[in-house]
């Protein structure tokens, strides 16, 4: 639970930095990082589903 609070604080800090007049390059880099972090769980889930399908349902 403390980790979640830390993450919320970090998000607020990122938002404050971007709203304080950071250049467009910084905002784009931050958005790219967020997208990268969001994609990883979906890729791992897809790989797991394919692995399980090939192992148990493919004869």
Protein backbone atom coordinates (compact mmCIF):
# COMPACT_ATOMS: atom_id res chain seq x y z
CA UNK A 1 0.00 0.00 0.00
CA UNK A 2 2.89 2.33 0.67
CA UNK A 3 4.23 1.57 -2.80
CA UNK A 4 0.92 2.66 -4.33
CA UNK A 5 1.15 5.93 -2.44
CA UNK A 6 4.67 6.41 -3.77
CA UNK A 7 3.44 5.81 -7.31
CA UNK A 8 0.60 8.28 -6.90
CA UNK A 9 3.04 10.87 -5.62
CA UNK A 10 5.34 10.20 -8.55
CA UNK A 11 2.46 10.67 -10.99
CA UNK A 12 1.63 14.00 -9.38
CA UNK A 13 5.26 15.02 -9.65
CA UNK A 14 5.38 14.08 -13.34
CA UNK A 15 2.19 16.01 -13.98
CA UNK A 16 3.59 19.05 -12.16
CA UNK A 17 6.78 18.95 -14.21
CA UNK A 18 4.87 18.71 -17.47
CA UNK A 19 2.46 21.48 -16.51
CA UNK A 20 5.27 23.77 -15.42
CA UNK A 21 6.25 24.42 -19.00
CA UNK A 22 8.45 21.50 -19.93
CA UNK A 23 9.22 21.25 -23.60
CA UNK A 24 7.28 19.01 -25.97
CA UNK A 25 10.17 16.53 -26.22
CA UNK A 26 9.97 15.79 -22.49
CA UNK A 27 6.21 15.21 -22.67
CA UNK A 28 6.59 12.88 -25.65
CA UNK A 29 9.34 10.93 -23.89
CA UNK A 30 7.19 10.53 -20.80
CA UNK A 31 4.23 9.36 -22.87
CA UNK A 32 6.44 6.85 -24.71
CA UNK A 33 7.65 5.49 -21.38
CA UNK A 34 4.10 5.11 -20.10
CA UNK A 35 3.02 3.27 -23.25
CA UNK A 36 6.06 0.99 -22.99
CA UNK A 37 5.22 0.13 -19.38
CA UNK A 38 1.57 -0.53 -20.26
CA UNK A 39 2.39 -2.88 -23.15
CA UNK A 40 4.67 -5.25 -21.20
CA UNK A 41 1.89 -7.03 -19.19
CA UNK A 42 -0.18 -7.58 -22.34
CA UNK A 43 2.78 -9.08 -24.20
CA UNK A 44 3.58 -11.38 -21.28
CA UNK A 45 -0.07 -12.44 -21.05
CA UNK A 46 -0.22 -13.15 -24.78
CA UNK A 47 2.94 -15.24 -24.63
CA UNK A 48 1.54 -17.19 -21.67
CA UNK A 49 -1.75 -17.90 -23.44
CA UNK A 50 0.03 -19.06 -26.61
CA UNK A 51 2.37 -21.27 -24.58
CA UNK A 52 -0.52 -22.86 -22.67
CA UNK A 53 -2.51 -23.37 -25.85
CA UNK A 54 0.38 -25.05 -27.61
CA UNK A 55 1.15 -27.21 -24.61
CA UNK A 56 -2.32 -28.43 -23.65
CA UNK A 57 -4.67 -28.05 -26.61
CA UNK A 58 -2.50 -28.74 -29.62
CA UNK A 59 -2.16 -32.44 -30.42
